[in-house]
């Protein structure tokens, strides 16, 4: 065999391998599963918190957070993001929320949130940053006025 036919054969072999890898990648993709269930909506009465009370001392500094067992599907995470700004998250993970273990918690570093069940991570704004979750966490509307935080069941981000 001369050099030219070997080169053509080599190019065809490389092209066939590239085509096979492209097909394999399409069928074994790491793209998110956009067909998972949505977080169920569970209405709740407004929650009023007098932040002067010792029970809420974890929220006394920016970056502080606490879990509430009332409200939402699996409770709430209240996070103090600024001097007078609070973000309230649903603890139910946005990926496969009907799984019993799909509960979000703040990581011990307090730098992000995670669901140990599916290993998804979320920024402290609720956006997914890793794992298989593709939707942000549900956020609820809250009002802060004169040391009183009121949390409503109104969804702030449409999730």
N, C-alpha and C. Protein backbone atom coordinates (compact mmCIF):
# COMPACT_ATOMS: atom_id res chain seq x y z
N UNK A 1 0.84 -1.18 0.00
CA UNK A 1 0.00 0.00 0.00
C UNK A 1 0.88 1.24 0.00
N UNK A 2 0.53 2.20 -0.82
CA UNK A 2 1.31 3.42 -0.87
C UNK A 2 0.85 4.37 0.23
N UNK A 3 1.55 5.47 0.37
CA UNK A 3 1.27 6.42 1.43
C UNK A 3 -0.10 7.08 1.28
N UNK A 4 -0.45 7.42 0.04
CA UNK A 4 -1.71 8.13 -0.20
C UNK A 4 -2.93 7.30 0.22
N UNK A 5 -3.08 6.02 -0.17
CA UNK A 5 -4.24 5.24 0.28
C UNK A 5 -4.26 5.05 1.81
N UNK A 6 -3.08 4.91 2.41
CA UNK A 6 -3.02 4.80 3.88
C UNK A 6 -3.53 6.07 4.54
N UNK A 7 -3.16 7.20 3.98
CA UNK A 7 -3.60 8.48 4.52
C UNK A 7 -5.12 8.61 4.41
N UNK A 8 -5.68 8.22 3.27
CA UNK A 8 -7.13 8.26 3.08
C UNK A 8 -7.82 7.34 4.08
N UNK A 9 -7.28 6.14 4.26
CA UNK A 9 -7.84 5.19 5.21
C UNK A 9 -7.78 5.74 6.63
N UNK A 10 -6.67 6.35 6.98
CA UNK A 10 -6.49 6.95 8.30
C UNK A 10 -7.50 8.08 8.52
N UNK A 11 -7.69 8.93 7.53
CA UNK A 11 -8.65 10.04 7.64
C UNK A 11 -10.07 9.50 7.80
N UNK A 12 -10.43 8.47 7.04
CA UNK A 12 -11.76 7.86 7.17
C UNK A 12 -11.95 7.25 8.56
N UNK A 13 -10.91 6.62 9.07
CA UNK A 13 -10.99 6.02 10.40
C UNK A 13 -11.19 7.11 11.46
N UNK A 14 -10.45 8.19 11.36
CA UNK A 14 -10.60 9.31 12.31
C UNK A 14 -12.00 9.90 12.20
N UNK A 15 -12.51 10.08 10.99
CA UNK A 15 -13.85 10.62 10.79
C UNK A 15 -14.90 9.69 11.40
N UNK A 16 -14.73 8.38 11.23
CA UNK A 16 -15.68 7.42 11.79
C UNK A 16 -15.66 7.46 13.32
N UNK A 17 -14.49 7.58 13.90
CA UNK A 17 -14.37 7.66 15.36
C UNK A 17 -15.02 8.95 15.86
N UNK A 18 -14.77 10.05 15.18
CA UNK A 18 -15.37 11.33 15.58
C UNK A 18 -16.88 11.26 15.50
N UNK A 19 -17.42 10.65 14.44
CA UNK A 19 -18.86 10.50 14.29
C UNK A 19 -19.43 9.65 15.43
N UNK A 20 -18.76 8.52 15.74
CA UNK A 20 -19.22 7.65 16.82
C UNK A 20 -19.20 8.37 18.16
N UNK A 21 -18.17 9.15 18.42
CA UNK A 21 -18.09 9.90 19.67
C UNK A 21 -19.19 10.96 19.76
N UNK A 22 -19.52 11.58 18.64
CA UNK A 22 -20.59 12.57 18.61
C UNK A 22 -21.92 11.92 18.97
N UNK A 23 -22.19 10.76 18.39
CA UNK A 23 -23.43 10.05 18.70
C UNK A 23 -23.46 9.62 20.16
N UNK A 24 -22.36 9.09 20.65
CA UNK A 24 -22.27 8.65 22.03
C UNK A 24 -22.50 9.81 22.99
N UNK A 25 -21.95 10.96 22.70
CA UNK A 25 -22.12 12.14 23.54
C UNK A 25 -23.57 12.58 23.57
N UNK A 26 -24.26 12.51 22.43
CA UNK A 26 -25.65 12.93 22.38
C UNK A 26 -26.53 12.01 23.22
N UNK A 27 -26.24 10.72 23.22
CA UNK A 27 -27.06 9.77 23.96
C UNK A 27 -26.67 9.67 25.42
N UNK A 28 -25.49 10.08 25.76
CA UNK A 28 -25.01 9.99 27.13
C UNK A 28 -24.66 11.39 27.63
N UNK A 29 -25.52 12.33 27.39
CA UNK A 29 -25.25 13.72 27.69
C UNK A 29 -25.39 14.01 29.18
N UNK A 30 -24.63 14.98 29.65
CA UNK A 30 -24.73 15.41 31.04
C UNK A 30 -25.64 16.63 31.16
N UNK A 31 -26.42 16.90 30.15
CA UNK A 31 -27.33 18.04 30.22
C UNK A 31 -28.43 17.73 31.23
N UNK A 32 -29.01 18.78 31.83
CA UNK A 32 -30.01 18.56 32.87
C UNK A 32 -31.26 17.87 32.33
N UNK A 33 -31.89 17.11 33.20
CA UNK A 33 -33.15 16.45 32.88
C UNK A 33 -34.26 17.47 33.10
N UNK A 34 -34.75 18.06 32.02
CA UNK A 34 -35.73 19.13 32.13
C UNK A 34 -37.15 18.60 32.31
N UNK A 35 -37.28 17.30 32.57
CA UNK A 35 -38.61 16.72 32.70
C UNK A 35 -38.97 16.39 34.15
N UNK A 36 -38.15 16.78 35.10
CA UNK A 36 -38.46 16.43 36.49
C UNK A 36 -39.65 17.25 36.99
N UNK A 37 -40.20 16.84 38.12
CA UNK A 37 -41.40 17.48 38.67
C UNK A 37 -41.11 18.87 39.19
N UNK A 38 -42.15 19.71 39.17
CA UNK A 38 -42.04 21.04 39.76
C UNK A 38 -42.28 20.93 41.26
N UNK A 39 -41.80 21.92 42.00
CA UNK A 39 -42.05 21.97 43.44
C UNK A 39 -43.54 22.20 43.65
N UNK A 40 -44.19 21.38 44.47
CA UNK A 40 -45.60 21.63 44.74
C UNK A 40 -45.77 22.95 45.49
N UNK A 41 -46.91 23.59 45.31
CA UNK A 41 -47.18 24.84 46.02
C UNK A 41 -48.06 24.51 47.23
N UNK A 42 -47.59 24.90 48.40
CA UNK A 42 -48.35 24.71 49.63
C UNK A 42 -48.55 26.08 50.27
N UNK A 43 -49.78 26.60 50.21
CA UNK A 43 -50.02 27.92 50.81
C UNK A 43 -49.84 27.89 52.33
N UNK A 44 -49.46 29.03 52.89
CA UNK A 44 -49.32 29.13 54.34
C UNK A 44 -49.69 30.54 54.78
N UNK A 45 -50.04 30.65 56.04
CA UNK A 45 -50.37 31.95 56.63
C UNK A 45 -49.09 32.78 56.74
N UNK A 46 -49.22 34.10 56.68
CA UNK A 46 -48.06 34.97 56.85
C UNK A 46 -47.33 34.63 58.14
N UNK A 47 -46.02 34.64 58.07
CA UNK A 47 -45.18 34.39 59.25
C UNK A 47 -44.57 35.73 59.64
N UNK A 48 -44.77 36.13 60.89
CA UNK A 48 -44.24 37.40 61.38
C UNK A 48 -43.17 37.11 62.42
N UNK A 49 -41.99 37.73 62.24
CA UNK A 49 -40.87 37.49 63.14
C UNK A 49 -40.38 38.82 63.69
N UNK A 50 -40.44 39.00 65.00
CA UNK A 50 -39.87 40.17 65.65
C UNK A 50 -38.38 39.87 65.84
N UNK A 51 -37.55 40.47 65.01
CA UNK A 51 -36.12 40.13 65.00
C UNK A 51 -35.36 40.63 66.23
N UNK A 52 -36.04 41.37 67.11
CA UNK A 52 -35.43 41.76 68.39
C UNK A 52 -35.44 40.61 69.40
N UNK A 53 -36.24 39.60 69.15
CA UNK A 53 -36.34 38.48 70.09
C UNK A 53 -35.13 37.56 69.98
N UNK A 54 -34.68 37.00 71.11
CA UNK A 54 -33.51 36.10 71.09
C UNK A 54 -33.68 34.88 70.18
N UNK A 55 -34.90 34.46 69.94
CA UNK A 55 -35.15 33.29 69.09
C UNK A 55 -34.63 33.50 67.68
N UNK A 56 -34.48 34.76 67.28
CA UNK A 56 -34.06 35.08 65.91
C UNK A 56 -32.65 35.68 65.88
N UNK A 57 -31.85 35.43 66.89
CA UNK A 57 -30.51 36.01 66.98
C UNK A 57 -29.60 35.57 65.84
N UNK A 58 -29.87 34.41 65.24
CA UNK A 58 -29.05 33.95 64.11
C UNK A 58 -29.17 34.88 62.91
N UNK A 59 -30.20 35.71 62.89
CA UNK A 59 -30.40 36.65 61.78
C UNK A 59 -29.89 38.05 62.11
N UNK A 60 -29.15 38.19 63.22
CA UNK A 60 -28.72 39.52 63.66
C UNK A 60 -27.57 40.09 62.83
N UNK A 61 -26.89 39.25 62.05
CA UNK A 61 -25.78 39.75 61.22
C UNK A 61 -25.99 39.36 59.76
N UNK A 62 -25.42 40.16 58.87
CA UNK A 62 -25.47 39.83 57.45
C UNK A 62 -24.77 38.49 57.24
N UNK A 63 -25.39 37.61 56.48
CA UNK A 63 -24.87 36.26 56.27
C UNK A 63 -25.48 35.25 57.22
N UNK A 64 -26.24 35.73 58.21
CA UNK A 64 -26.91 34.82 59.13
C UNK A 64 -28.10 34.15 58.46
N UNK A 65 -28.43 32.99 58.96
CA UNK A 65 -29.58 32.26 58.41
C UNK A 65 -30.22 31.43 59.51
N UNK A 66 -31.43 31.00 59.25
CA UNK A 66 -32.09 30.05 60.13
C UNK A 66 -33.14 29.27 59.36
N UNK A 67 -33.45 28.11 59.87
CA UNK A 67 -34.48 27.25 59.28
C UNK A 67 -35.78 27.48 60.02
N UNK A 68 -36.87 27.51 59.27
CA UNK A 68 -38.21 27.53 59.85
C UNK A 68 -38.91 26.25 59.43
N UNK A 69 -39.51 25.57 60.40
CA UNK A 69 -40.22 24.33 60.08
C UNK A 69 -41.63 24.58 59.56
N UNK A 70 -42.08 25.81 59.63
CA UNK A 70 -43.39 26.15 59.11
C UNK A 70 -43.24 26.84 57.77
N UNK A 71 -44.25 26.72 56.94
CA UNK A 71 -44.25 27.37 55.63
C UNK A 71 -43.63 26.51 54.56
N UNK A 72 -44.15 26.62 53.36
CA UNK A 72 -43.62 25.88 52.24
C UNK A 72 -43.90 24.39 52.34
N UNK A 73 -43.18 23.63 51.53
CA UNK A 73 -43.37 22.19 51.49
C UNK A 73 -42.57 21.52 52.61
N UNK A 74 -41.31 21.88 52.74
CA UNK A 74 -40.43 21.25 53.73
C UNK A 74 -39.82 22.28 54.68
N UNK A 75 -40.49 23.42 54.81
CA UNK A 75 -39.96 24.47 55.65
C UNK A 75 -39.25 25.52 54.82
N UNK A 76 -38.68 26.49 55.51
CA UNK A 76 -38.07 27.64 54.86
C UNK A 76 -36.65 27.87 55.37
N UNK A 77 -35.85 28.52 54.54
CA UNK A 77 -34.55 29.04 54.95
C UNK A 77 -34.66 30.55 54.86
N UNK A 78 -34.41 31.23 55.97
CA UNK A 78 -34.39 32.69 55.98
C UNK A 78 -32.92 33.10 56.02
N UNK A 79 -32.51 33.90 55.04
CA UNK A 79 -31.11 34.30 54.90
C UNK A 79 -31.02 35.82 54.89
N UNK A 80 -30.16 36.37 55.74
CA UNK A 80 -29.97 37.81 55.78
C UNK A 80 -28.87 38.18 54.79
N UNK A 81 -29.26 38.79 53.68
CA UNK A 81 -28.30 39.10 52.62
C UNK A 81 -27.76 40.52 52.70
N UNK A 82 -28.35 41.37 53.50
CA UNK A 82 -27.90 42.75 53.64
C UNK A 82 -28.39 43.32 54.96
N UNK A 83 -28.04 44.57 55.27
CA UNK A 83 -28.44 45.17 56.55
C UNK A 83 -29.96 45.14 56.79
N UNK A 84 -30.74 45.30 55.75
CA UNK A 84 -32.20 45.25 55.91
C UNK A 84 -32.84 44.41 54.81
N UNK A 85 -32.08 43.43 54.30
CA UNK A 85 -32.56 42.59 53.22
C UNK A 85 -32.51 41.12 53.63
N UNK A 86 -33.62 40.45 53.45
CA UNK A 86 -33.74 39.03 53.78
C UNK A 86 -34.28 38.29 52.57
N UNK A 87 -33.76 37.11 52.32
CA UNK A 87 -34.26 36.26 51.24
C UNK A 87 -34.80 35.00 51.91
N UNK A 88 -35.98 34.60 51.47
CA UNK A 88 -36.62 33.42 52.05
C UNK A 88 -36.74 32.35 50.96
N UNK A 89 -36.14 31.20 51.22
CA UNK A 89 -36.11 30.09 50.27
C UNK A 89 -36.96 28.93 50.76
N UNK A 90 -37.55 28.24 49.82
CA UNK A 90 -38.19 26.94 50.08
C UNK A 90 -37.07 25.93 50.33
N UNK A 91 -37.23 25.08 51.34
CA UNK A 91 -36.21 24.06 51.60
C UNK A 91 -36.34 22.87 50.68
N UNK A 92 -37.46 22.74 49.99
CA UNK A 92 -37.66 21.64 49.06
C UNK A 92 -36.78 21.87 47.83
N UNK A 93 -35.92 20.92 47.52
CA UNK A 93 -35.03 21.05 46.36
C UNK A 93 -35.85 21.20 45.09
N UNK A 94 -35.32 21.96 44.15
CA UNK A 94 -36.02 22.18 42.88
C UNK A 94 -35.88 21.00 41.93
N UNK A 95 -35.01 20.04 42.24
CA UNK A 95 -34.87 18.84 41.41
C UNK A 95 -35.52 17.66 42.12
N UNK A 96 -36.40 16.97 41.43
CA UNK A 96 -37.15 15.83 42.00
C UNK A 96 -37.69 16.16 43.39
N UNK A 97 -38.50 17.20 43.48
CA UNK A 97 -38.96 17.67 44.79
C UNK A 97 -39.87 16.71 45.53
N UNK A 98 -40.38 15.69 44.84
CA UNK A 98 -41.25 14.73 45.51
C UNK A 98 -40.49 13.61 46.21
N UNK A 99 -39.17 13.61 46.07
CA UNK A 99 -38.35 12.64 46.80
C UNK A 99 -38.36 13.02 48.28
N UNK A 100 -38.46 12.04 49.14
CA UNK A 100 -38.53 12.31 50.58
C UNK A 100 -37.30 13.04 51.10
N UNK A 101 -36.15 12.78 50.50
CA UNK A 101 -34.91 13.37 51.02
C UNK A 101 -34.54 14.69 50.36
N UNK A 102 -35.35 15.21 49.44
CA UNK A 102 -35.00 16.41 48.65
C UNK A 102 -35.15 17.68 49.49
N UNK A 103 -34.26 17.83 50.47
CA UNK A 103 -34.33 18.96 51.39
C UNK A 103 -33.01 19.73 51.37
N UNK A 104 -33.11 21.02 51.10
CA UNK A 104 -31.94 21.88 50.99
C UNK A 104 -31.51 22.37 52.37
N UNK A 105 -30.21 22.50 52.54
CA UNK A 105 -29.65 23.05 53.78
C UNK A 105 -28.50 23.99 53.43
N UNK A 106 -28.16 24.84 54.35
CA UNK A 106 -27.01 25.72 54.16
C UNK A 106 -25.77 24.92 54.52
N UNK A 107 -24.78 24.93 53.64
CA UNK A 107 -23.53 24.21 53.89
C UNK A 107 -22.85 24.78 55.13
N UNK A 108 -22.08 23.96 55.82
CA UNK A 108 -21.41 24.39 57.05
C UNK A 108 -20.49 25.59 56.84
N UNK A 109 -20.01 25.79 55.62
CA UNK A 109 -19.17 26.96 55.32
C UNK A 109 -19.99 28.24 55.23
N UNK A 110 -21.30 28.11 55.14
CA UNK A 110 -22.27 29.20 54.92
C UNK A 110 -22.03 29.96 53.62
N UNK A 111 -21.32 29.35 52.67
CA UNK A 111 -21.05 29.98 51.40
C UNK A 111 -22.03 29.58 50.30
N UNK A 112 -22.77 28.51 50.52
CA UNK A 112 -23.74 28.03 49.54
C UNK A 112 -24.72 27.08 50.22
N UNK A 113 -25.74 26.67 49.45
CA UNK A 113 -26.73 25.72 49.94
C UNK A 113 -26.61 24.43 49.13
N UNK A 114 -27.06 23.32 49.71
CA UNK A 114 -26.98 22.06 49.00
C UNK A 114 -28.11 21.13 49.37
N UNK A 115 -28.38 20.21 48.48
CA UNK A 115 -29.31 19.12 48.74
C UNK A 115 -28.46 17.85 48.78
N UNK A 116 -28.23 17.28 49.95
CA UNK A 116 -27.40 16.08 50.04
C UNK A 116 -27.99 14.89 49.29
N UNK A 117 -29.28 14.91 49.02
CA UNK A 117 -29.95 13.80 48.34
C UNK A 117 -29.48 13.68 46.89
N UNK A 118 -29.52 14.79 46.14
CA UNK A 118 -29.14 14.74 44.72
C UNK A 118 -27.79 15.41 44.46
N UNK A 119 -27.15 15.91 45.51
CA UNK A 119 -25.84 16.57 45.44
C UNK A 119 -25.86 17.87 44.65
N UNK A 120 -27.02 18.49 44.50
CA UNK A 120 -27.09 19.78 43.84
C UNK A 120 -26.69 20.88 44.81
N UNK A 121 -26.04 21.91 44.28
CA UNK A 121 -25.66 23.06 45.09
C UNK A 121 -26.31 24.31 44.52
N UNK A 122 -26.51 25.29 45.41
CA UNK A 122 -27.18 26.53 45.04
C UNK A 122 -26.43 27.70 45.67
N UNK A 123 -26.37 28.80 44.93
CA UNK A 123 -25.78 30.02 45.49
C UNK A 123 -26.73 30.57 46.56
N UNK A 124 -26.27 31.56 47.28
CA UNK A 124 -27.12 32.18 48.30
C UNK A 124 -28.14 33.14 47.70
N UNK A 125 -28.24 33.13 46.38
CA UNK A 125 -29.34 33.80 45.69
C UNK A 125 -30.35 32.78 45.19
N UNK A 126 -30.07 31.49 45.43
CA UNK A 126 -30.97 30.42 45.06
C UNK A 126 -30.72 29.81 43.70
N UNK A 127 -29.73 30.31 42.95
CA UNK A 127 -29.45 29.79 41.61
C UNK A 127 -28.65 28.48 41.71
N UNK A 128 -28.97 27.50 40.86
CA UNK A 128 -28.19 26.25 40.88
C UNK A 128 -26.75 26.50 40.42
N UNK A 129 -25.80 25.91 41.13
CA UNK A 129 -24.38 26.09 40.79
C UNK A 129 -23.66 24.77 40.54
N UNK A 130 -24.31 23.67 40.81
CA UNK A 130 -23.68 22.37 40.58
C UNK A 130 -24.68 21.26 40.80
N UNK A 131 -24.34 20.08 40.34
CA UNK A 131 -25.25 18.94 40.48
C UNK A 131 -26.28 18.92 39.36
N UNK A 132 -27.38 18.23 39.59
CA UNK A 132 -28.36 18.02 38.52
C UNK A 132 -29.54 18.98 38.55
N UNK A 133 -29.67 19.77 39.60
CA UNK A 133 -30.77 20.74 39.65
C UNK A 133 -30.54 21.81 38.58
N UNK A 134 -31.60 22.15 37.89
CA UNK A 134 -31.49 23.17 36.84
C UNK A 134 -32.38 24.37 37.12
N UNK A 135 -33.35 24.22 38.00
CA UNK A 135 -34.20 25.35 38.38
C UNK A 135 -33.64 25.99 39.65
N UNK A 136 -33.82 27.29 39.81
CA UNK A 136 -33.45 27.92 41.09
C UNK A 136 -34.40 27.46 42.19
N UNK A 137 -34.01 27.71 43.41
CA UNK A 137 -34.90 27.43 44.54
C UNK A 137 -36.05 28.42 44.52
N UNK A 138 -37.19 27.98 45.00
CA UNK A 138 -38.34 28.88 45.11
C UNK A 138 -38.04 29.91 46.20
N UNK A 139 -38.39 31.16 45.91
CA UNK A 139 -38.26 32.23 46.89
C UNK A 139 -39.64 32.80 47.21
N UNK A 140 -39.80 33.21 48.44
CA UNK A 140 -41.06 33.81 48.88
C UNK A 140 -40.86 35.29 49.16
N UNK A 141 -41.93 36.05 48.95
CA UNK A 141 -41.90 37.49 49.20
C UNK A 141 -41.85 37.71 50.71
N UNK A 142 -40.97 38.63 51.12
CA UNK A 142 -40.90 39.01 52.53
C UNK A 142 -40.78 40.52 52.62
N UNK A 143 -41.22 41.05 53.75
CA UNK A 143 -41.18 42.49 54.01
C UNK A 143 -40.48 42.72 55.33
N UNK A 144 -39.56 43.66 55.35
CA UNK A 144 -38.85 44.02 56.58
C UNK A 144 -39.20 45.45 56.93
N UNK A 145 -39.72 45.65 58.14
CA UNK A 145 -40.11 46.98 58.57
C UNK A 145 -39.96 47.09 60.08
N UNK A 146 -39.08 47.97 60.52
CA UNK A 146 -38.95 48.27 61.95
C UNK A 146 -38.69 47.02 62.80
N UNK A 147 -37.69 46.24 62.41
CA UNK A 147 -37.27 45.03 63.12
C UNK A 147 -38.28 43.88 63.04
N UNK A 148 -39.26 43.98 62.16
CA UNK A 148 -40.22 42.89 61.99
C UNK A 148 -40.12 42.39 60.54
N UNK A 149 -39.92 41.10 60.42
CA UNK A 149 -39.86 40.46 59.11
C UNK A 149 -41.15 39.68 58.92
N UNK A 150 -41.84 39.96 57.82
CA UNK A 150 -43.06 39.24 57.48
C UNK A 150 -42.80 38.43 56.22
N UNK A 151 -43.10 37.14 56.30
CA UNK A 151 -42.90 36.23 55.17
C UNK A 151 -44.28 35.81 54.67
N UNK A 152 -44.51 35.99 53.37
CA UNK A 152 -45.80 35.60 52.79
C UNK A 152 -45.62 34.33 51.95
N UNK A 153 -46.73 33.75 51.55
CA UNK A 153 -46.67 32.58 50.69
C UNK A 153 -46.66 32.96 49.20
N UNK A 154 -46.53 34.25 48.93
CA UNK A 154 -46.44 34.71 47.54
C UNK A 154 -45.06 34.35 46.99
N UNK A 155 -45.06 33.70 45.86
CA UNK A 155 -43.80 33.27 45.24
C UNK A 155 -43.14 34.47 44.57
N UNK A 156 -41.88 34.72 44.92
CA UNK A 156 -41.17 35.90 44.43
C UNK A 156 -40.55 35.69 43.05
N UNK A 157 -40.19 34.47 42.73
CA UNK A 157 -39.44 34.23 41.48
C UNK A 157 -40.17 33.33 40.49
N UNK A 158 -41.44 33.09 40.69
CA UNK A 158 -42.22 32.32 39.72
C UNK A 158 -41.89 30.84 39.64
N UNK A 159 -41.11 30.32 40.57
CA UNK A 159 -40.72 28.90 40.55
C UNK A 159 -41.69 28.08 41.39
